[in-house]
Protein backbone atom coordinates (compact mmCIF):
# COMPACT_ATOMS: atom_id res chain seq x y z
CA UNK A 1 -0.14 0.25 -0.25
CA UNK A 2 1.74 3.25 -1.50
CA UNK A 3 0.55 5.77 1.40
CA UNK A 4 2.25 8.85 0.49
CA UNK A 5 1.90 11.25 -2.37
CA UNK A 6 4.71 12.35 -4.37
CA UNK A 7 5.14 16.05 -6.10
CA UNK A 8 6.98 16.18 -9.37
CA UNK A 9 8.06 18.95 -11.57
CA UNK A 10 6.54 18.20 -14.83
CA UNK A 11 8.71 20.45 -17.19
CA UNK A 12 6.07 20.59 -19.63
CA UNK A 13 3.51 22.08 -17.33
CA UNK A 14 6.22 24.34 -15.56
CA UNK A 15 4.90 23.39 -12.51
CA UNK A 16 4.86 21.05 -9.48
CA UNK A 17 1.91 17.64 -10.07
CA UNK A 18 0.93 14.62 -7.80
CA UNK A 19 2.62 11.84 -9.52
CA UNK A 20 -0.38 9.55 -10.05
CA UNK A 21 0.74 6.52 -12.20
CA UNK A 22 -1.24 5.20 -14.90
CA UNK A 23 -1.38 1.54 -13.92
CA UNK A 24 -0.23 1.90 -10.08
CA UNK A 25 1.41 -0.12 -8.26
CA UNK A 26 3.52 0.05 -11.89
CA UNK A 27 5.55 2.96 -13.70
CA UNK A 28 7.16 3.09 -16.53
CA UNK A 29 10.08 5.68 -16.42
CA UNK A 30 12.43 5.73 -20.15
CA UNK A 31 15.73 8.42 -19.82
CA UNK A 32 17.97 9.29 -22.49
CA UNK A 33 21.22 7.26 -21.92
CA UNK A 34 24.63 8.17 -23.37
CA UNK A 35 26.30 8.75 -26.96
CA UNK A 36 28.80 6.26 -26.69
CA UNK A 37 32.10 7.92 -28.36
CA UNK A 38 34.20 9.63 -25.64
CA UNK A 39 34.70 8.72 -21.81
CA UNK A 40 32.13 9.35 -19.23
CA UNK A 41 32.51 12.88 -17.38
CA UNK A 42 30.53 14.21 -14.70
CA UNK A 43 28.22 15.87 -17.25
CA UNK A 44 26.79 12.03 -17.69
CA UNK A 45 27.27 11.19 -14.02
CA UNK A 46 24.42 13.51 -13.00
CA UNK A 47 21.34 12.43 -14.99
CA UNK A 48 22.97 8.68 -14.31
CA UNK A 49 22.79 9.49 -10.38
CA UNK A 50 19.50 11.64 -10.48
CA UNK A 51 17.67 8.96 -12.00
CA UNK A 52 19.18 6.27 -10.08
CA UNK A 53 17.86 7.73 -6.84
CA UNK A 54 14.70 8.30 -8.21
CA UNK A 55 14.32 5.16 -9.23
CA UNK A 56 15.32 3.47 -5.94
CA UNK A 57 12.71 6.20 -3.80
CA UNK A 58 10.10 5.05 -5.89
CA UNK A 59 11.29 1.23 -5.23
CA UNK A 60 11.32 2.14 -1.32
CA UNK A 61 7.84 3.76 -1.91
CA UNK A 62 6.18 0.82 -2.97
CA UNK A 63 6.21 1.10 -6.55
CA UNK A 64 7.10 -1.77 -9.15
CA UNK A 65 9.32 0.62 -11.80
CA UNK A 66 10.35 -0.84 -15.28
CA UNK A 67 13.31 1.79 -15.93
CA UNK A 68 14.60 1.81 -19.74
CA UNK A 69 17.71 4.08 -20.14
CA UNK A 70 19.05 3.49 -23.92
CA UNK A 71 22.36 3.36 -25.46
CA UNK A 72 22.68 5.75 -28.40
CA UNK A 73 25.27 3.77 -30.67
CA UNK A 74 24.55 5.17 -34.05
CA UNK A 75 22.29 8.36 -35.81
CA UNK A 76 23.56 11.03 -33.57
CA UNK A 77 25.38 13.49 -35.98
CA UNK A 78 27.63 16.07 -35.11
CA UNK A 79 25.85 19.61 -33.66
CA UNK A 80 22.88 17.27 -33.20
CA UNK A 81 21.71 18.22 -36.87
CA UNK A 82 20.53 16.60 -39.70
CA UNK A 83 24.39 16.90 -41.17
CA UNK A 84 27.77 15.97 -40.70
CA UNK A 85 29.44 12.71 -39.53
CA UNK A 86 28.26 10.51 -36.93
CA UNK A 87 29.65 11.00 -33.33
CA UNK A 88 30.77 7.15 -33.39
CA UNK A 89 31.65 6.39 -37.12
CA UNK A 90 33.75 9.61 -36.82
CA UNK A 91 35.47 8.31 -33.80
CA UNK A 92 35.70 4.84 -35.67
CA UNK A 93 37.54 6.33 -39.06
CA UNK A 94 39.81 8.59 -36.66
CA UNK A 95 41.52 5.62 -34.40
CA UNK A 96 41.22 3.36 -37.69
CA UNK A 97 38.61 0.72 -36.25
CA UNK A 98 34.86 -0.47 -36.66
CA UNK A 99 32.22 1.72 -35.45
CA UNK A 100 31.23 -0.82 -33.03
CA UNK A 101 34.47 -1.32 -31.37
CA UNK A 102 34.06 2.00 -30.50
CA UNK A 103 30.71 1.79 -29.06
CA UNK A 104 31.61 -1.69 -27.27
CA UNK A 105 34.46 0.41 -25.73
CA UNK A 106 32.65 3.02 -24.69
CA UNK A 107 29.81 1.11 -23.23
CA UNK A 108 32.31 -0.66 -21.21
CA UNK A 109 34.05 2.66 -20.09
CA UNK A 110 30.31 4.20 -18.93
CA UNK A 111 29.40 1.08 -17.24
CA UNK A 112 32.59 0.98 -15.40
CA UNK A 113 31.85 4.30 -14.21
CA UNK A 114 28.55 4.46 -13.32
CA UNK A 115 29.47 1.00 -11.42
CA UNK A 116 31.92 2.29 -9.48
CA UNK A 117 29.38 5.25 -8.60
CA UNK A 118 27.05 2.86 -7.14
CA UNK A 119 24.52 3.29 -9.98
CA UNK A 120 22.06 0.27 -10.13
CA UNK A 121 21.74 -0.54 -14.04
CA UNK A 122 18.26 0.06 -15.09
CA UNK A 123 15.73 -2.78 -15.94
CA UNK A 124 16.33 -2.52 -19.97
CA UNK A 125 19.38 -0.82 -21.71
CA UNK A 126 18.43 -0.86 -25.45
CA UNK A 127 21.12 0.22 -27.92
CA UNK A 128 19.54 1.78 -30.77
CA UNK A 129 21.70 -0.25 -33.68
CA UNK A 130 19.54 -3.33 -32.27
CA UNK A 131 15.91 -1.52 -32.84
CA UNK A 132 16.36 -0.86 -36.86
CA UNK A 133 13.59 -2.81 -37.65
CA UNK A 134 11.04 -0.80 -34.96
CA UNK A 135 13.00 2.81 -36.30
CA UNK A 136 11.74 1.68 -39.62
CA UNK A 137 8.24 0.95 -38.85
CA UNK A 138 7.66 3.53 -36.66
CA UNK A 139 8.82 6.12 -39.78
CA UNK A 140 6.39 3.82 -41.63
CA UNK A 141 3.61 4.51 -39.26
CA UNK A 142 4.52 8.33 -39.21
CA UNK A 143 4.25 8.35 -43.43
CA UNK A 144 1.13 6.24 -43.55
CA UNK A 145 -0.03 8.78 -41.01
CA UNK A 146 1.21 11.57 -43.19
CA UNK A 147 2.73 13.49 -40.77
CA UNK A 148 6.57 12.74 -43.09
CA UNK A 149 7.91 12.85 -46.72
CA UNK A 150 10.24 10.97 -48.53
CA UNK A 151 12.91 13.01 -50.35
CA UNK A 152 15.70 12.14 -52.25
CA UNK A 153 16.24 8.57 -50.65
CA UNK A 154 15.47 10.28 -47.12
CA UNK A 155 12.81 10.67 -45.11
CA UNK A 156 11.52 14.10 -42.94
CA UNK A 157 9.27 14.51 -40.41
CA UNK A 158 6.49 17.47 -41.40
CA UNK A 159 6.67 19.93 -38.39
CA UNK A 160 4.34 22.49 -40.03
CA UNK A 161 1.51 19.77 -40.57
CA UNK A 162 1.97 18.49 -37.43
CA UNK A 163 1.63 21.80 -36.00
CA UNK A 164 -1.49 22.82 -37.24
CA UNK A 165 -3.06 19.13 -36.39
CA UNK A 166 -1.39 18.77 -32.36
CA UNK A 167 0.57 22.00 -31.75
CA UNK A 168 4.39 21.94 -31.51
CA UNK A 169 6.69 23.43 -29.14
CA UNK A 170 4.39 22.39 -25.73
CA UNK A 171 7.43 21.17 -24.32
CA UNK A 172 9.88 23.93 -24.82
CA UNK A 173 7.57 26.57 -25.73
CA UNK A 174 9.57 27.09 -29.46
CA UNK A 175 7.15 28.98 -31.54
CA UNK A 176 7.52 27.52 -35.24
CA UNK A 177 7.33 30.80 -37.00
CA UNK A 178 10.18 31.68 -34.54
CA UNK A 179 12.16 28.96 -35.51
CA UNK A 180 11.33 29.42 -38.97
CA UNK A 181 12.55 32.80 -38.87
CA UNK A 182 16.15 32.11 -36.82
CA UNK A 183 16.65 28.65 -38.81
CA UNK A 184 20.71 28.79 -40.55
CA UNK A 185 21.21 27.53 -43.87
CA UNK A 186 22.57 23.89 -43.89
CA UNK A 187 23.83 21.96 -46.79
CA UNK A 188 20.82 19.27 -47.64
CA UNK A 189 18.15 21.97 -46.33
CA UNK A 190 16.64 22.06 -50.48
CA UNK A 191 15.80 18.30 -49.52
CA UNK A 192 13.43 19.62 -46.87
CA UNK A 193 9.82 21.25 -47.56
CA UNK A 194 10.53 23.50 -44.24
CA UNK A 195 13.67 24.38 -43.02
CA UNK A 196 12.30 23.33 -39.02
CA UNK A 197 11.59 19.37 -40.37
CA UNK A 198 14.33 16.88 -38.74
CA UNK A 199 15.24 13.52 -40.31
CA UNK A 200 13.54 10.05 -39.39
CA UNK A 201 15.65 8.16 -41.89
CA UNK A 202 18.89 9.42 -43.68
CA UNK A 203 19.93 8.32 -47.25
CA UNK A 204 23.80 7.04 -46.65
CA UNK A 205 25.95 8.87 -48.52
CA UNK A 206 28.70 6.31 -49.82
CA UNK A 207 31.59 6.87 -47.33
CA UNK A 208 28.90 6.61 -44.40
CA UNK A 209 29.86 3.32 -42.89
CA UNK A 210 26.89 2.67 -40.68
CA UNK A 211 24.65 1.40 -42.89
CA UNK A 212 20.81 -0.80 -42.96
CA UNK A 213 18.50 -1.52 -45.60
CA UNK A 214 14.84 0.34 -45.67
CA UNK A 215 11.82 0.78 -47.53
CA UNK A 216 13.80 3.64 -49.38
CA UNK A 217 16.70 2.87 -49.34
CA UNK A 218 20.24 2.32 -47.62
CA UNK A 219 20.72 4.73 -44.74
CA UNK A 220 20.52 5.26 -40.87
CA UNK A 221 17.98 6.33 -38.59
CA UNK A 222 17.79 9.47 -37.21
CA UNK A 223 18.56 10.46 -34.00
CA UNK A 224 15.06 11.28 -32.45
CA UNK A 225 13.81 8.09 -33.72
CA UNK A 226 15.59 5.74 -31.46
CA UNK A 227 14.21 7.06 -28.46
CA UNK A 228 10.11 7.34 -29.60
CA UNK A 229 10.41 3.73 -30.77
CA UNK A 230 12.39 2.19 -28.36
CA UNK A 231 10.39 3.69 -25.09
CA UNK A 232 6.95 2.94 -26.82
CA UNK A 233 8.21 -1.09 -27.26
CA UNK A 234 9.22 -1.25 -23.45
CA UNK A 235 6.72 0.80 -22.19
CA UNK A 236 3.73 1.57 -24.61
CA UNK A 237 2.66 4.26 -26.38
CA UNK A 238 1.59 6.56 -23.00
CA UNK A 239 3.89 5.79 -20.27
CA UNK A 240 4.91 7.62 -16.83
CA UNK A 241 8.00 9.41 -16.70
CA UNK A 242 11.04 10.67 -19.66
CA UNK A 243 13.71 12.32 -18.12
CA UNK A 244 16.67 13.63 -19.23
CA UNK A 245 19.25 16.47 -19.29
CA UNK A 246 18.12 19.72 -19.87
CA UNK A 247 19.82 20.00 -23.21
CA UNK A 248 17.72 17.04 -24.12
CA UNK A 249 14.44 19.31 -24.06
CA UNK A 250 14.91 20.91 -27.42
CA UNK A 251 15.20 19.48 -29.99
CA UNK A 252 15.53 15.76 -28.84
CA UNK A 253 12.96 15.53 -26.65
CA UNK A 254 10.12 18.11 -28.65
CA UNK A 255 10.93 15.94 -31.49
CA UNK A 256 10.00 12.75 -29.70
CA UNK A 257 7.16 13.99 -28.85
CA UNK A 258 5.97 15.20 -32.46
CA UNK A 259 6.88 11.59 -33.62
CA UNK A 260 5.24 9.45 -31.01
CA UNK A 261 1.77 11.55 -31.13
CA UNK A 262 1.91 11.36 -34.98
CA UNK A 263 2.23 7.47 -34.96
CA UNK A 264 -0.06 7.02 -32.52
CA UNK A 265 -2.61 9.94 -32.31
CA UNK A 266 -2.14 9.94 -28.55
CA UNK A 267 -0.20 11.32 -25.41
CA UNK A 268 3.03 10.24 -25.39
CA UNK A 269 4.33 11.01 -22.01
CA UNK A 270 2.39 12.13 -18.36
CA UNK A 271 5.93 13.11 -16.89
CA UNK A 272 8.55 14.70 -18.10
CA UNK A 273 11.84 15.66 -15.84
CA UNK A 274 14.93 17.47 -16.72
CA UNK A 275 18.23 18.12 -14.84
CA UNK A 276 20.36 21.17 -15.07
CA UNK A 277 23.70 21.17 -16.59
CA UNK A 278 27.33 20.35 -14.45
CA UNK A 279 29.09 23.57 -14.90
CA UNK A 280 32.86 24.78 -14.96
CA UNK A 281 33.06 28.57 -14.70
CA UNK A 282 29.53 29.24 -15.22
CA UNK A 283 29.68 27.36 -18.85
CA UNK A 284 27.52 23.73 -19.19
CA UNK A 285 30.31 20.68 -18.99
CA UNK A 286 30.63 19.34 -22.66
CA UNK A 287 33.42 17.67 -24.58
CA UNK A 288 32.61 20.03 -27.63
CA UNK A 289 33.83 23.30 -24.89
CA UNK A 290 37.02 20.57 -23.72
CA UNK A 291 35.74 21.82 -20.08
CA UNK A 292 35.27 18.21 -19.12
CA UNK A 293 36.25 16.19 -16.24
CA UNK A 294 35.93 12.29 -16.63
CA UNK A 295 34.53 10.02 -14.20
CA UNK A 296 37.97 8.37 -14.14
CA UNK A 297 40.00 11.32 -13.44
CA UNK A 298 37.74 12.51 -10.48
CA UNK A 299 37.27 9.19 -8.57
CA UNK A 300 41.21 9.13 -8.99
CA UNK A 301 41.21 12.20 -6.19
CA UNK A 302 37.80 11.32 -4.86
CA UNK A 303 35.87 8.20 -3.55
CA UNK A 304 32.52 7.33 -5.04
CA UNK A 305 30.57 8.31 -2.20
CA UNK A 306 31.56 11.59 -2.10
CA UNK A 307 31.09 12.43 -5.87
CA UNK A 308 27.72 10.84 -4.82
CA UNK A 309 26.97 13.21 -2.12
CA UNK A 310 28.55 15.89 -3.78
CA UNK A 311 25.79 15.54 -7.19
CA UNK A 312 22.84 14.97 -4.59
CA UNK A 313 23.59 17.70 -2.63
CA UNK A 314 22.13 20.10 -5.12
CA UNK A 315 18.25 19.76 -6.11
CA UNK A 316 18.57 17.84 -9.61
CA UNK A 317 16.95 20.84 -11.36
CA UNK A 318 19.42 23.73 -11.01
CA UNK A 319 23.33 23.91 -11.54
CA UNK A 320 25.34 21.89 -10.24
CA UNK A 321 29.15 23.74 -9.51
CA UNK A 322 32.19 21.64 -9.80
CA UNK A 323 34.72 22.96 -7.77
CA UNK A 324 37.49 21.36 -5.54
CA UNK A 325 36.41 23.11 -2.87
CA UNK A 326 32.89 21.79 -3.69
CA UNK A 327 33.62 18.07 -3.79
CA UNK A 328 36.04 18.59 -0.53
CA UNK A 329 33.09 19.88 1.28
CA UNK A 330 30.90 16.85 0.40
CA UNK A 331 34.12 14.88 1.58
CA UNK A 332 33.74 16.56 4.81
CA UNK A 333 29.95 16.10 4.74
CA UNK A 334 30.33 12.48 4.21
CA UNK A 335 32.82 12.30 7.26
CA UNK A 336 29.99 13.55 9.70
CA UNK A 337 27.42 11.05 8.62
CA UNK A 338 30.39 8.04 9.18
CA UNK A 339 31.32 9.69 12.49
CA UNK A 340 28.15 9.19 13.58
CA UNK A 341 27.56 5.62 13.11
CA UNK A 342 31.17 4.83 14.07
CA UNK A 343 31.28 2.63 16.92
CA UNK A 344 27.47 1.83 17.46
CA UNK A 345 26.27 -1.82 17.33
CA UNK A 346 24.41 -2.83 14.59
CA UNK A 347 20.84 -3.38 15.79
CA UNK A 348 17.60 -5.01 13.89
CA UNK A 349 14.81 -2.24 14.11
CA UNK A 350 12.40 -0.59 12.00
CA UNK A 351 13.13 2.68 10.56
CA UNK A 352 11.90 5.53 13.13
CA UNK A 353 8.54 6.82 11.97
CA UNK A 354 9.36 10.71 12.77
CA UNK A 355 12.53 10.72 10.70
CA UNK A 356 10.80 9.13 8.20
CA UNK A 357 8.53 10.82 7.68
CA UNK A 358 10.75 13.56 7.95
CA UNK A 359 12.92 12.28 5.16
CA UNK A 360 9.80 11.60 2.80
CA UNK A 361 8.62 14.63 2.96
CA UNK A 362 11.79 16.11 1.43
CA UNK A 363 11.81 13.55 -1.24
CA UNK A 364 8.01 13.55 -2.00
CA UNK A 365 8.66 16.98 -2.69
CA UNK A 366 10.26 16.61 -6.30
CA UNK A 367 12.88 14.45 -5.17
CA UNK A 368 14.70 17.24 -3.00
CA UNK A 369 17.60 15.43 -1.84
CA UNK A 370 19.06 18.28 -0.76
CA UNK A 371 16.69 18.84 1.92
CA UNK A 372 16.56 15.14 2.75
CA UNK A 373 20.48 15.02 3.17
CA UNK A 374 19.73 17.99 5.68
CA UNK A 375 17.17 15.55 7.41
CA UNK A 376 20.10 12.75 7.27
CA UNK A 377 22.78 15.56 8.73
CA UNK A 378 20.40 16.57 11.81
CA UNK A 379 19.53 12.50 12.27
CA UNK A 380 23.41 12.29 12.78
CA UNK A 381 23.82 15.27 15.18
CA UNK A 382 20.70 13.43 17.18
CA UNK A 383 22.70 10.76 17.57
CA UNK A 384 26.09 12.02 18.55
CA UNK A 385 23.41 13.75 21.63
CA UNK A 386 22.09 10.43 22.31
CA UNK A 387 25.35 8.28 22.56
CA UNK A 388 26.35 10.06 25.50
CA UNK A 389 23.46 8.68 28.06
CA UNK A 390 21.76 6.32 25.59
CA UNK A 391 23.72 4.01 23.28
CA UNK A 392 20.60 1.55 22.76
CA UNK A 393 18.13 4.56 21.47
CA UNK A 394 21.18 6.00 19.67
CA UNK A 395 22.31 2.53 17.74
CA UNK A 396 18.26 2.20 16.62
CA UNK A 397 18.64 5.53 15.36
CA UNK A 398 21.63 4.27 13.67
CA UNK A 399 20.28 1.93 11.55
CA UNK A 400 17.78 4.67 10.49
CA UNK A 401 20.47 6.69 9.51
CA UNK A 402 21.93 3.37 7.21
CA UNK A 403 19.00 2.73 6.23
CA UNK A 404 17.44 5.97 4.90
CA UNK A 405 21.24 6.86 3.88
CA UNK A 406 21.62 3.81 2.09
CA UNK A 407 19.25 4.88 -0.82
């Protein structure tokens, strides 16, 4: 029996809403995973840890969660556009190996890093290259419904038609007319009816390594179609939660909505959740800016629990500033929690109801981990106060700290 109510900030409505699963107690959650062409950095670790704690807390609350997090190993072109080289294929060309060698190497590195950070594996981790058939089928549905068109061997989504029938820009707040006015000229735009249209399937040029046969010729899927195809395959046409980084809100998630609703004619996702950026000197940490710190590098200096506490010490929707002093502060904070437990007997008692209630009130408020951590530090102080005169009571609260902190 799930007795308490969780409120989540829904990006599409820009407000907190009561979380009411479609088929309670079952919850379907899809999160956009990594494009595997380089070492995972803290910008990748943040969404992994954020949605890991959401996954854990939903299960702690009594829900049965199917958590799907994809791996993009094909179709993500440079600059997130419809032109340019596939990021993984480019890395493979530079290193003179097969693209799938690159993908597998960096999948292994990603898993190693996330395992080190105590991030649970998702229920299902589909790869884009393993779902080409589903992506082709999704494109065919969209074509059949009249929301896409064939042009020179490629298939493009008709944004203007979708906007007329459903409304485009619900998630990002972008207005189609403004998008058209600000669209820059790119190679290949003459294939499109409208500069805002985006590729569902791209014709492969002779030098393009990653290619598959399709009803429209040899090519490869557009970046956005993979998540629509894989999320609906494993969670259904309409599911509970879709998450990812704030940078994915547009165009990726906006285009996912358009594709899914064009294909099915129904609402795609109930709750959209987006985590803020990890920043260095007020800029987003990213490979393209060259200002990133790999998880491997950071873990050479700090314990995984310290990195995890650092990431959870800020609300997931806000920016997170990377600096040595912030990680040092997280290390000192973690020491305070362990110091409170030092020397206490381990007893098998239920979690104290008062402290559990305070912890749940924080987490039920849009997964406010910073406030939940404050509750744990208050609990540690209470343990330190009690252990002088009532070691048994302190040990009982120590069990509560271990179990609540163990999330």
